[in-house]
């Protein structure tokens, strides 16, 4: 299985006092840090190598997860530094540890999808980028993807249309060349650029 980059360097200001002294990844959920649940989910799906891209209180995250042996996987750490780089910038900063192809997952996302199937679709497509989508029909957040017959037809967080029934699920797969050639700081802009170039595949998650 491809390695997974988990973007866990944000300040998590929306959680207020909850994250004044604890990073969002370590907030307890059902008696355990959220990160523990996330890592076990990945391991159940065959993931053996995770690169945690950390920043704010990153030392606490590294102290909690260690080298990954407790989760049956290898965990490495890549620190953002003093300057906030954005989601795409964070990926770019970890490329030396990620190899040619890799998953990208947000540090606050628990996504129970078929990771091996996502990887197979990415490799079969021949495209350098893949976005997972979920049909939410505007129920949980505003839909921002037009998806049909396994193809992403439109994607925008700003210019939404009635034809957008799906939402960006939060799991992507990329070839490293995507980030070597772009200066975008936000993953949404990277996806948009790939779509314009007809180089973005799609995979529908069901849960």
N, C-alpha and C. Protein backbone atom coordinates (compact mmCIF):
# COMPACT_ATOMS: atom_id res chain seq x y z
N UNK A 1 0.84 -1.21 0.00
CA UNK A 1 0.00 0.00 0.00
C UNK A 1 0.87 1.25 0.00
N UNK A 2 0.34 2.29 -0.64
CA UNK A 2 1.05 3.56 -0.69
C UNK A 2 1.13 4.19 0.70
N UNK A 3 2.13 5.03 0.95
CA UNK A 3 2.19 5.74 2.23
C UNK A 3 1.09 6.80 2.31
N UNK A 4 0.81 7.24 3.52
CA UNK A 4 -0.22 8.25 3.76
C UNK A 4 0.41 9.46 4.43
N UNK A 5 0.20 10.63 3.85
CA UNK A 5 0.57 11.88 4.51
C UNK A 5 -0.65 12.40 5.26
N UNK A 6 -0.51 12.56 6.56
CA UNK A 6 -1.59 13.11 7.38
C UNK A 6 -1.23 14.55 7.74
N UNK A 7 -2.09 15.47 7.34
CA UNK A 7 -1.83 16.89 7.57
C UNK A 7 -2.41 17.28 8.93
N UNK A 8 -1.52 17.41 9.91
CA UNK A 8 -1.96 17.64 11.29
C UNK A 8 -1.24 18.84 11.91
N UNK A 9 -0.94 19.84 11.09
CA UNK A 9 -0.17 20.97 11.59
C UNK A 9 -0.96 22.23 11.87
N UNK A 10 -2.28 22.18 11.69
CA UNK A 10 -3.10 23.38 11.85
C UNK A 10 -3.23 23.84 13.29
N UNK A 11 -3.65 25.09 13.44
CA UNK A 11 -3.79 25.67 14.78
C UNK A 11 -5.11 25.29 15.45
N UNK A 12 -6.09 24.84 14.67
CA UNK A 12 -7.38 24.39 15.21
C UNK A 12 -8.06 25.47 16.04
N UNK A 13 -8.04 26.69 15.55
CA UNK A 13 -8.62 27.81 16.32
C UNK A 13 -10.12 27.68 16.50
N UNK A 14 -10.80 26.97 15.61
CA UNK A 14 -12.25 26.84 15.71
C UNK A 14 -12.68 26.04 16.94
N UNK A 15 -11.76 25.28 17.50
CA UNK A 15 -12.09 24.49 18.70
C UNK A 15 -11.83 25.25 20.00
N UNK A 16 -11.39 26.50 19.88
CA UNK A 16 -11.26 27.36 21.04
C UNK A 16 -10.35 26.81 22.12
N UNK A 17 -10.84 26.78 23.35
CA UNK A 17 -10.02 26.38 24.49
C UNK A 17 -9.60 24.91 24.45
N UNK A 18 -10.32 24.10 23.70
CA UNK A 18 -9.99 22.68 23.63
C UNK A 18 -8.58 22.44 23.10
N UNK A 19 -8.12 23.34 22.25
CA UNK A 19 -6.81 23.14 21.63
C UNK A 19 -5.78 24.19 22.05
N UNK A 20 -6.01 24.84 23.19
CA UNK A 20 -5.02 25.79 23.69
C UNK A 20 -3.74 25.08 24.12
N UNK A 21 -3.88 23.88 24.68
CA UNK A 21 -2.72 23.15 25.19
C UNK A 21 -2.61 21.74 24.61
N UNK A 22 -3.55 21.36 23.78
CA UNK A 22 -3.55 20.02 23.18
C UNK A 22 -3.83 20.16 21.69
N UNK A 23 -3.02 19.55 20.81
CA UNK A 23 -3.31 19.62 19.38
C UNK A 23 -4.58 18.85 19.05
N UNK A 24 -5.22 19.25 17.97
CA UNK A 24 -6.51 18.64 17.61
C UNK A 24 -6.42 17.13 17.47
N UNK A 25 -5.31 16.63 16.96
CA UNK A 25 -5.18 15.19 16.75
C UNK A 25 -5.21 14.39 18.06
N UNK A 26 -4.91 15.06 19.17
CA UNK A 26 -4.85 14.35 20.45
C UNK A 26 -6.06 14.59 21.34
N UNK A 27 -7.06 15.30 20.84
CA UNK A 27 -8.29 15.47 21.62
C UNK A 27 -8.92 14.10 21.85
N UNK A 28 -9.27 13.77 23.10
CA UNK A 28 -9.80 12.43 23.37
C UNK A 28 -11.19 12.22 22.78
N UNK A 29 -11.35 11.11 22.09
CA UNK A 29 -12.63 10.67 21.55
C UNK A 29 -12.87 9.25 22.05
N UNK A 30 -13.96 9.04 22.77
CA UNK A 30 -14.26 7.71 23.33
C UNK A 30 -13.08 7.19 24.14
N UNK A 31 -12.42 8.09 24.89
CA UNK A 31 -11.38 7.68 25.81
C UNK A 31 -9.99 7.58 25.24
N UNK A 32 -9.82 7.89 23.95
CA UNK A 32 -8.50 7.81 23.32
C UNK A 32 -8.28 9.02 22.42
N UNK A 33 -7.02 9.39 22.18
CA UNK A 33 -6.76 10.48 21.24
C UNK A 33 -7.35 10.14 19.87
N UNK A 34 -7.90 11.14 19.21
CA UNK A 34 -8.47 10.93 17.88
C UNK A 34 -7.47 10.25 16.95
N UNK A 35 -6.20 10.65 17.04
CA UNK A 35 -5.18 10.09 16.17
C UNK A 35 -5.08 8.58 16.29
N UNK A 36 -5.27 8.04 17.49
CA UNK A 36 -5.19 6.59 17.67
C UNK A 36 -6.27 5.88 16.86
N UNK A 37 -7.47 6.41 16.87
CA UNK A 37 -8.56 5.83 16.07
C UNK A 37 -8.21 5.90 14.58
N UNK A 38 -7.69 7.05 14.17
CA UNK A 38 -7.36 7.26 12.76
C UNK A 38 -6.27 6.29 12.29
N UNK A 39 -5.23 6.12 13.09
CA UNK A 39 -4.14 5.23 12.71
C UNK A 39 -4.58 3.77 12.65
N UNK A 40 -5.41 3.35 13.59
CA UNK A 40 -5.89 1.97 13.57
C UNK A 40 -6.76 1.71 12.33
N UNK A 41 -7.56 2.70 11.96
CA UNK A 41 -8.37 2.57 10.75
C UNK A 41 -7.48 2.38 9.52
N UNK A 42 -6.43 3.16 9.43
CA UNK A 42 -5.51 3.03 8.31
C UNK A 42 -4.82 1.67 8.30
N UNK A 43 -4.41 1.22 9.47
CA UNK A 43 -3.72 -0.08 9.54
C UNK A 43 -4.66 -1.21 9.13
N UNK A 44 -5.92 -1.14 9.52
CA UNK A 44 -6.89 -2.16 9.11
C UNK A 44 -7.06 -2.19 7.59
N UNK A 45 -6.75 -1.09 6.95
CA UNK A 45 -6.87 -1.01 5.50
C UNK A 45 -5.55 -1.28 4.79
N UNK A 46 -4.58 -1.79 5.53
CA UNK A 46 -3.33 -2.22 4.92
C UNK A 46 -2.24 -1.17 4.87
N UNK A 47 -2.48 0.01 5.42
CA UNK A 47 -1.47 1.07 5.41
C UNK A 47 -0.38 0.72 6.42
N UNK A 48 0.87 0.81 5.97
CA UNK A 48 1.99 0.46 6.85
C UNK A 48 2.95 1.61 7.08
N UNK A 49 2.78 2.71 6.35
CA UNK A 49 3.72 3.83 6.46
C UNK A 49 2.94 5.14 6.46
N UNK A 50 3.11 5.91 7.52
CA UNK A 50 2.43 7.21 7.67
C UNK A 50 3.47 8.29 7.91
N UNK A 51 3.30 9.41 7.22
CA UNK A 51 4.12 10.59 7.47
C UNK A 51 3.20 11.65 8.06
N UNK A 52 3.42 11.99 9.30
CA UNK A 52 2.61 13.01 9.96
C UNK A 52 3.25 14.37 9.74
N UNK A 53 2.54 15.24 9.04
CA UNK A 53 3.02 16.60 8.81
C UNK A 53 2.46 17.46 9.93
N UNK A 54 3.32 17.85 10.87
CA UNK A 54 2.87 18.50 12.10
C UNK A 54 3.47 19.91 12.21
N UNK A 55 2.88 20.68 13.10
CA UNK A 55 3.35 22.04 13.35
C UNK A 55 3.05 22.42 14.78
N UNK A 56 1.86 23.00 14.99
CA UNK A 56 1.43 23.44 16.31
C UNK A 56 1.40 22.27 17.28
N UNK A 57 2.18 22.37 18.35
CA UNK A 57 2.27 21.33 19.38
C UNK A 57 2.63 19.96 18.79
N UNK A 58 3.40 19.98 17.71
CA UNK A 58 3.76 18.75 17.03
C UNK A 58 4.55 17.79 17.89
N UNK A 59 5.34 18.31 18.81
CA UNK A 59 6.12 17.44 19.69
C UNK A 59 5.21 16.54 20.54
N UNK A 60 4.03 17.07 20.89
CA UNK A 60 3.08 16.26 21.66
C UNK A 60 2.54 15.11 20.81
N UNK A 61 2.30 15.38 19.55
CA UNK A 61 1.81 14.34 18.65
C UNK A 61 2.88 13.25 18.48
N UNK A 62 4.12 13.68 18.29
CA UNK A 62 5.21 12.72 18.13
C UNK A 62 5.40 11.90 19.41
N UNK A 63 5.25 12.55 20.55
CA UNK A 63 5.39 11.83 21.81
C UNK A 63 4.28 10.80 22.01
N UNK A 64 3.09 11.09 21.50
CA UNK A 64 1.95 10.18 21.69
C UNK A 64 1.98 8.99 20.73
N UNK A 65 2.35 9.23 19.48
CA UNK A 65 2.29 8.16 18.48
C UNK A 65 3.62 7.44 18.30
N UNK A 66 4.72 8.11 18.66
CA UNK A 66 6.03 7.48 18.56
C UNK A 66 6.39 7.06 17.15
N UNK A 67 7.09 5.95 17.05
CA UNK A 67 7.54 5.48 15.73
C UNK A 67 6.51 4.61 15.03
N UNK A 68 5.34 4.46 15.66
CA UNK A 68 4.24 3.71 15.05
C UNK A 68 4.18 2.25 15.41
N UNK A 69 5.17 1.75 16.13
CA UNK A 69 5.19 0.32 16.45
C UNK A 69 3.96 -0.12 17.24
N UNK A 70 3.43 0.76 18.05
CA UNK A 70 2.24 0.41 18.83
C UNK A 70 1.02 0.20 17.94
N UNK A 71 1.08 0.71 16.72
CA UNK A 71 -0.04 0.58 15.79
C UNK A 71 0.29 -0.37 14.63
N UNK A 72 1.45 -1.02 14.71
CA UNK A 72 1.84 -1.96 13.67
C UNK A 72 2.22 -1.30 12.37
N UNK A 73 2.76 -0.09 12.44
CA UNK A 73 3.14 0.63 11.24
C UNK A 73 4.37 1.49 11.51
N UNK A 74 4.90 2.06 10.47
CA UNK A 74 6.03 2.99 10.60
C UNK A 74 5.49 4.41 10.50
N UNK A 75 5.85 5.26 11.47
CA UNK A 75 5.43 6.66 11.45
C UNK A 75 6.67 7.55 11.43
N UNK A 76 6.67 8.49 10.50
CA UNK A 76 7.71 9.52 10.43
C UNK A 76 7.05 10.88 10.61
N UNK A 77 7.87 11.88 10.93
CA UNK A 77 7.36 13.22 11.20
C UNK A 77 8.06 14.25 10.33
N UNK A 78 7.29 15.19 9.87
CA UNK A 78 7.82 16.30 9.08
C UNK A 78 7.19 17.57 9.65
N UNK A 79 8.04 18.51 10.08
CA UNK A 79 7.55 19.70 10.76
C UNK A 79 7.39 20.88 9.79
N UNK A 80 6.30 21.61 9.97
CA UNK A 80 5.99 22.74 9.09
C UNK A 80 7.00 23.87 9.22
N UNK A 81 7.47 24.13 10.42
CA UNK A 81 8.31 25.30 10.65
C UNK A 81 7.47 26.49 11.10
N UNK A 82 8.09 27.66 11.17
CA UNK A 82 7.43 28.84 11.73
C UNK A 82 6.35 29.41 10.82
N UNK A 83 6.48 29.23 9.51
CA UNK A 83 5.55 29.83 8.56
C UNK A 83 4.49 28.83 8.14
N UNK A 84 3.21 29.27 8.21
CA UNK A 84 2.12 28.42 7.75
C UNK A 84 2.18 28.29 6.23
N UNK A 85 2.16 27.06 5.73
CA UNK A 85 2.39 26.80 4.32
C UNK A 85 1.13 26.47 3.54
N UNK A 86 0.00 26.29 4.23
CA UNK A 86 -1.20 25.84 3.55
C UNK A 86 -1.16 24.33 3.36
N UNK A 87 -2.29 23.75 2.96
CA UNK A 87 -2.37 22.30 2.86
C UNK A 87 -1.48 21.74 1.75
N UNK A 88 -1.44 22.41 0.60
CA UNK A 88 -0.57 21.94 -0.49
C UNK A 88 0.90 22.17 -0.14
N UNK A 89 1.18 23.30 0.49
CA UNK A 89 2.55 23.58 0.91
C UNK A 89 3.05 22.57 1.92
N UNK A 90 2.15 22.12 2.79
CA UNK A 90 2.53 21.11 3.77
C UNK A 90 2.91 19.79 3.09
N UNK A 91 2.14 19.42 2.08
CA UNK A 91 2.47 18.20 1.33
C UNK A 91 3.82 18.36 0.64
N UNK A 92 4.01 19.52 0.03
CA UNK A 92 5.26 19.77 -0.71
C UNK A 92 6.47 19.64 0.23
N UNK A 93 6.32 20.07 1.45
CA UNK A 93 7.42 20.01 2.40
C UNK A 93 7.76 18.62 2.87
N UNK A 94 6.88 17.66 2.60
CA UNK A 94 7.12 16.28 3.05
C UNK A 94 7.45 15.34 1.90
N UNK A 95 7.63 15.87 0.70
CA UNK A 95 7.82 15.02 -0.48
C UNK A 95 9.01 14.08 -0.36
N UNK A 96 10.07 14.53 0.29
CA UNK A 96 11.26 13.69 0.38
C UNK A 96 11.00 12.39 1.13
N UNK A 97 9.94 12.33 1.92
CA UNK A 97 9.63 11.12 2.70
C UNK A 97 8.50 10.29 2.07
N UNK A 98 7.84 10.84 1.05
CA UNK A 98 6.61 10.23 0.56
C UNK A 98 6.79 9.30 -0.64
N UNK A 99 7.85 9.46 -1.40
CA UNK A 99 8.02 8.63 -2.58
C UNK A 99 7.24 9.17 -3.77
N UNK A 100 7.07 8.32 -4.79
CA UNK A 100 6.48 8.78 -6.04
C UNK A 100 4.97 9.00 -5.95
N UNK A 101 4.27 8.09 -5.28
CA UNK A 101 2.81 8.18 -5.15
C UNK A 101 2.41 8.02 -3.69
N UNK A 102 1.33 8.70 -3.28
CA UNK A 102 0.95 8.68 -1.87
C UNK A 102 -0.48 9.18 -1.69
N UNK A 103 -1.08 8.76 -0.57
CA UNK A 103 -2.36 9.30 -0.12
C UNK A 103 -2.12 10.59 0.64
N UNK A 104 -3.13 11.47 0.65
CA UNK A 104 -3.13 12.65 1.52
C UNK A 104 -4.45 12.66 2.29
N UNK A 105 -4.35 12.81 3.60
CA UNK A 105 -5.50 12.76 4.49
C UNK A 105 -5.38 13.89 5.51
N UNK A 106 -6.50 14.52 5.84
CA UNK A 106 -6.48 15.58 6.85
C UNK A 106 -6.43 14.98 8.26
N UNK A 107 -5.79 15.71 9.15
CA UNK A 107 -5.60 15.22 10.51
C UNK A 107 -6.86 15.13 11.35
N UNK A 108 -7.96 15.68 10.86
CA UNK A 108 -9.21 15.61 11.62
C UNK A 108 -10.27 14.77 10.90
N UNK A 109 -9.82 13.89 9.99
CA UNK A 109 -10.76 13.10 9.18
C UNK A 109 -10.68 11.62 9.51
N UNK A 110 -11.82 11.04 9.79
CA UNK A 110 -11.93 9.59 10.00
C UNK A 110 -12.77 9.06 8.85
N UNK A 111 -12.13 8.43 7.87
CA UNK A 111 -12.80 8.09 6.62
C UNK A 111 -12.80 6.57 6.42
N UNK A 112 -13.89 5.90 6.74
CA UNK A 112 -13.96 4.44 6.64
C UNK A 112 -14.29 3.98 5.21
N UNK A 113 -13.38 4.23 4.29
CA UNK A 113 -13.59 3.81 2.91
C UNK A 113 -12.63 2.68 2.55
N UNK A 114 -12.71 2.19 1.34
CA UNK A 114 -11.89 1.08 0.87
C UNK A 114 -10.59 1.64 0.29
N UNK A 115 -9.59 1.79 1.14
CA UNK A 115 -8.32 2.39 0.71
C UNK A 115 -7.63 1.60 -0.40
N UNK A 116 -7.59 0.25 -0.32
CA UNK A 116 -6.98 -0.50 -1.42
C UNK A 116 -7.69 -0.25 -2.76
N UNK A 117 -9.03 -0.11 -2.72
CA UNK A 117 -9.77 0.16 -3.97
C UNK A 117 -9.45 1.55 -4.49
N UNK A 118 -9.29 2.51 -3.59
CA UNK A 118 -8.91 3.87 -4.01
C UNK A 118 -7.54 3.84 -4.68
N UNK A 119 -6.61 3.12 -4.07
CA UNK A 119 -5.27 3.02 -4.65
C UNK A 119 -5.31 2.36 -6.03
N UNK A 120 -6.09 1.28 -6.16
CA UNK A 120 -6.19 0.60 -7.46
C UNK A 120 -6.76 1.53 -8.53
N UNK A 121 -7.77 2.30 -8.17
CA UNK A 121 -8.37 3.23 -9.14
C UNK A 121 -7.36 4.29 -9.57
N UNK A 122 -6.60 4.79 -8.62
CA UNK A 122 -5.58 5.79 -8.95
C UNK A 122 -4.54 5.22 -9.91
N UNK A 123 -4.03 4.05 -9.61
CA UNK A 123 -2.99 3.45 -10.45
C UNK A 123 -3.53 3.07 -11.82
N UNK A 124 -4.77 2.59 -11.86
CA UNK A 124 -5.38 2.19 -13.13
C UNK A 124 -5.67 3.40 -14.02
N UNK A 125 -6.00 4.53 -13.42
CA UNK A 125 -6.40 5.72 -14.20
C UNK A 125 -5.25 6.30 -15.01
N UNK A 126 -4.04 6.20 -14.49
CA UNK A 126 -2.90 6.82 -15.16
C UNK A 126 -2.80 8.31 -14.93
N UNK A 127 -3.74 8.88 -14.18
CA UNK A 127 -3.69 10.31 -13.87
C UNK A 127 -2.82 10.57 -12.64
N UNK A 128 -2.25 11.78 -12.54
CA UNK A 128 -1.39 12.08 -11.40
C UNK A 128 -2.15 12.49 -10.14
N UNK A 129 -3.47 12.59 -10.22
CA UNK A 129 -4.24 12.96 -9.04
C UNK A 129 -5.59 12.27 -9.01
N UNK A 130 -6.07 11.97 -7.81
CA UNK A 130 -7.40 11.38 -7.62
C UNK A 130 -8.06 12.02 -6.41
N UNK A 131 -9.32 12.36 -6.55
CA UNK A 131 -10.11 12.89 -5.44
C UNK A 131 -11.21 11.90 -5.10
N UNK A 132 -11.34 11.57 -3.82
CA UNK A 132 -12.50 10.80 -3.39
C UNK A 132 -13.66 11.75 -3.14
N UNK A 133 -14.87 11.29 -3.48
CA UNK A 133 -16.06 12.12 -3.32
C UNK A 133 -17.15 11.31 -2.61
N UNK A 134 -18.10 12.02 -2.05
CA UNK A 134 -19.21 11.39 -1.34
C UNK A 134 -20.49 12.14 -1.70
N UNK A 135 -21.53 11.39 -2.03
CA UNK A 135 -22.81 12.03 -2.37
C UNK A 135 -23.53 12.44 -1.10
N UNK A 136 -23.54 13.73 -0.84
CA UNK A 136 -24.18 14.22 0.39
C UNK A 136 -25.42 15.06 0.12
N UNK A 137 -25.65 15.45 -1.15
CA UNK A 137 -26.83 16.24 -1.52
C UNK A 137 -27.04 17.43 -0.59
N UNK A 138 -25.93 18.04 -0.18
CA UNK A 138 -26.02 19.24 0.66
C UNK A 138 -26.44 18.99 2.09
N UNK A 139 -26.43 17.75 2.56
CA UNK A 139 -26.96 17.43 3.89
C UNK A 139 -26.04 17.90 5.02
N UNK A 140 -24.71 17.65 4.91
CA UNK A 140 -23.79 17.95 6.01
C UNK A 140 -22.98 19.22 5.76
N UNK A 141 -22.70 19.48 4.51
CA UNK A 141 -22.01 20.70 4.12
C UNK A 141 -22.43 20.96 2.68
N UNK A 142 -22.13 22.13 2.17
CA UNK A 142 -22.55 22.47 0.82
C UNK A 142 -21.78 21.64 -0.20
N UNK A 143 -22.52 20.96 -1.07
CA UNK A 143 -21.90 20.13 -2.09
C UNK A 143 -21.05 20.99 -3.01
N UNK A 144 -19.89 20.44 -3.45
CA UNK A 144 -18.98 21.23 -4.27
C UNK A 144 -18.38 20.46 -5.45
N UNK A 145 -18.95 19.26 -5.73
CA UNK A 145 -18.42 18.43 -6.81
C UNK A 145 -19.57 17.93 -7.69
N UNK A 146 -19.36 18.03 -9.00
CA UNK A 146 -20.25 17.39 -9.97
C UNK A 146 -19.56 16.12 -10.43
N UNK A 147 -20.19 14.98 -10.16
CA UNK A 147 -19.56 13.68 -10.40
C UNK A 147 -20.56 12.78 -11.10
N UNK A 148 -20.11 12.14 -12.18
CA UNK A 148 -20.99 11.26 -12.94
C UNK A 148 -20.16 10.24 -13.70
N UNK A 149 -20.62 8.98 -13.70
CA UNK A 149 -19.94 7.90 -14.42
C UNK A 149 -18.45 7.84 -14.07
N UNK A 150 -18.16 7.93 -12.78
CA UNK A 150 -16.79 7.81 -12.26
C UNK A 150 -15.89 8.96 -12.73
N UNK A 151 -16.49 10.07 -13.12
CA UNK A 151 -15.70 11.21 -13.59
C UNK A 151 -16.10 12.47 -12.83
N UNK A 152 -15.11 13.25 -12.46
CA UNK A 152 -15.36 14.55 -11.85
C UNK A 152 -15.52 15.56 -12.99
N UNK A 153 -16.69 16.17 -13.06
CA UNK A 153 -16.99 17.12 -14.14
C UNK A 153 -16.75 18.56 -13.72
N UNK A 154 -16.93 18.84 -12.44
CA UNK A 154 -16.71 20.20 -11.94
C UNK A 154 -16.41 20.13 -10.45
N UNK A 155 -15.60 21.09 -10.00
CA UNK A 155 -15.25 21.16 -8.57
C UNK A 155 -14.95 22.61 -8.22
N UNK A 156 -15.62 23.12 -7.20
CA UNK A 156 -15.34 24.48 -6.74
C UNK A 156 -15.97 24.68 -5.38
N UNK A 157 -15.20 25.28 -4.48
CA UNK A 157 -15.73 25.65 -3.17
C UNK A 157 -16.35 27.04 -3.19
N UNK A 158 -16.16 27.76 -4.29
CA UNK A 158 -16.65 29.13 -4.38
C UNK A 158 -17.81 29.27 -5.36
N UNK A 159 -17.70 28.60 -6.50
CA UNK A 159 -18.72 28.72 -7.53
C UNK A 159 -19.53 27.43 -7.62
N UNK A 160 -20.45 27.27 -6.70
CA UNK A 160 -21.24 26.05 -6.64
C UNK A 160 -22.45 26.15 -7.55
N UNK A 161 -22.87 25.00 -8.07
CA UNK A 161 -24.02 24.95 -8.98
C UNK A 161 -25.01 23.89 -8.49
N UNK A 162 -26.26 23.94 -8.96
CA UNK A 162 -27.26 22.94 -8.56
C UNK A 162 -26.89 21.52 -8.99
N UNK A 163 -26.01 21.37 -9.98
CA UNK A 163 -25.62 20.04 -10.45
C UNK A 163 -24.62 19.38 -9.50
N UNK A 164 -24.10 20.11 -8.54
CA UNK A 164 -23.14 19.55 -7.60
C UNK A 164 -23.87 18.83 -6.47
N UNK A 165 -23.86 17.51 -6.53
CA UNK A 165 -24.52 16.67 -5.53
C UNK A 165 -23.52 16.02 -4.58
N UNK A 166 -22.23 16.11 -4.92
CA UNK A 166 -21.18 15.44 -4.16
C UNK A 166 -20.29 16.45 -3.44
N UNK A 167 -19.51 15.92 -2.52
CA UNK A 167 -18.57 16.76 -1.78
C UNK A 167 -17.20 16.09 -1.75
N UNK A 168 -16.17 16.89 -1.71
CA UNK A 168 -14.81 16.39 -1.55
C UNK A 168 -14.75 15.62 -0.22
N UNK A 169 -14.44 14.33 -0.28
CA UNK A 169 -14.51 13.45 0.88
C UNK A 169 -13.35 13.64 1.85
N UNK A 170 -12.22 14.14 1.34
CA UNK A 170 -11.10 14.43 2.23
C UNK A 170 -9.91 13.51 2.09
N UNK A 171 -9.97 12.58 1.13
CA UNK A 171 -8.85 11.68 0.88
C UNK A 171 -8.43 11.83 -0.58
N UNK A 172 -7.16 12.12 -0.81
CA UNK A 172 -6.65 12.25 -2.17
C UNK A 172 -5.47 11.32 -2.38
N UNK A 173 -5.16 11.07 -3.65
CA UNK A 173 -3.97 10.31 -4.01
C UNK A 173 -3.25 11.11 -5.10
N UNK A 174 -1.94 11.21 -4.97
CA UNK A 174 -1.18 12.06 -5.89
C UNK A 174 0.14 11.42 -6.28
N UNK A 175 0.62 11.84 -7.44
CA UNK A 175 2.00 11.62 -7.83
C UNK A 175 2.80 12.83 -7.38
N UNK A 176 4.00 12.62 -6.92
CA UNK A 176 4.80 13.71 -6.36
C UNK A 176 5.05 14.83 -7.36
N UNK A 177 5.06 14.52 -8.66
CA UNK A 177 5.32 15.54 -9.69
C UNK A 177 4.29 16.66 -9.64
N UNK A 178 3.08 16.35 -9.16
CA UNK A 178 2.04 17.38 -9.05
C UNK A 178 2.51 18.54 -8.18
N UNK A 179 3.16 18.21 -7.08
CA UNK A 179 3.58 19.25 -6.13
C UNK A 179 4.94 19.83 -6.48
N UNK A 180 5.70 19.14 -7.28
CA UNK A 180 6.99 19.67 -7.72
C UNK A 180 6.83 20.77 -8.76
N UNK A 181 5.71 20.72 -9.48
CA UNK A 181 5.52 21.67 -10.58
C UNK A 181 4.57 22.81 -10.25
N UNK A 182 3.91 22.77 -9.10
CA UNK A 182 2.95 23.81 -8.76
C UNK A 182 3.42 24.61 -7.55
N UNK A 183 2.98 25.85 -7.48
CA UNK A 183 3.28 26.69 -6.32
C UNK A 183 2.03 26.96 -5.48
N UNK A 184 0.93 26.29 -5.79
CA UNK A 184 -0.31 26.49 -5.05
C UNK A 184 -0.10 26.16 -3.57
N UNK A 185 -0.79 26.90 -2.71
CA UNK A 185 -0.67 26.64 -1.28
C UNK A 185 -1.84 25.83 -0.72
N UNK A 186 -2.92 25.73 -1.48
CA UNK A 186 -4.12 25.05 -0.99
C UNK A 186 -4.41 23.83 -1.86
N UNK A 187 -4.75 22.72 -1.23
CA UNK A 187 -5.05 21.50 -1.97
C UNK A 187 -6.24 21.69 -2.90
N UNK A 188 -7.20 22.52 -2.51
CA UNK A 188 -8.35 22.76 -3.38
C UNK A 188 -7.91 23.33 -4.72
N UNK A 189 -6.91 24.21 -4.69
CA UNK A 189 -6.41 24.80 -5.94
C UNK A 189 -5.63 23.77 -6.76
N UNK A 190 -4.96 22.84 -6.09
CA UNK A 190 -4.25 21.77 -6.80
C UNK A 190 -5.26 20.88 -7.52
N UNK A 191 -6.34 20.50 -6.83
CA UNK A 191 -7.39 19.70 -7.45
C UNK A 191 -7.97 20.43 -8.66
N UNK A 192 -8.26 21.72 -8.50
CA UNK A 192 -8.86 22.50 -9.58
C UNK A 192 -7.94 22.55 -10.80
N UNK A 193 -6.67 22.73 -10.55
CA UNK A 193 -5.70 22.78 -11.64
C UNK A 193 -5.63 21.44 -12.38
N UNK A 194 -5.63 20.34 -11.64
CA UNK A 194 -5.60 19.02 -12.27
C UNK A 194 -6.86 18.78 -13.09
N UNK A 195 -8.00 19.23 -12.58
CA UNK A 195 -9.26 19.06 -13.30
C UNK A 195 -9.24 19.83 -14.62
N UNK A 196 -8.74 21.05 -14.60
CA UNK A 196 -8.65 21.84 -15.83
C UNK A 196 -7.77 21.16 -16.87
N UNK A 197 -6.76 20.44 -16.41
CA UNK A 197 -5.83 19.76 -17.31
C UNK A 197 -6.30 18.34 -17.66
N UNK A 198 -7.51 17.99 -17.19
CA UNK A 198 -8.06 16.65 -17.43
C UNK A 198 -7.14 15.56 -16.89
N UNK A 199 -6.59 15.81 -15.70
CA UNK A 199 -5.65 14.87 -15.08
C UNK A 199 -6.11 14.45 -13.68
N UNK A 200 -7.40 14.61 -13.41
CA UNK A 200 -7.94 14.29 -12.08
C UNK A 200 -8.96 13.18 -12.19
N UNK A 201 -8.72 12.07 -11.48
CA UNK A 201 -9.66 10.96 -11.42
C UNK A 201 -10.56 11.13 -10.20
N UNK A 202 -11.63 10.33 -10.18
CA UNK A 202 -12.55 10.37 -9.06
C UNK A 202 -12.88 8.98 -8.55
N UNK A 203 -13.18 8.91 -7.26
CA UNK A 203 -13.59 7.65 -6.65
C UNK A 203 -14.71 7.96 -5.65
N UNK A 204 -15.83 7.25 -5.77
CA UNK A 204 -16.96 7.53 -4.88
C UNK A 204 -16.88 6.66 -3.62
N UNK A 205 -16.78 7.30 -2.48
CA UNK A 205 -16.85 6.62 -1.19
C UNK A 205 -18.32 6.48 -0.79
N UNK A 206 -18.67 5.42 -0.08
CA UNK A 206 -20.07 5.13 0.23
C UNK A 206 -20.44 5.38 1.68
N UNK A 207 -19.44 5.51 2.57
CA UNK A 207 -19.75 5.72 4.00
C UNK A 207 -19.42 7.13 4.41
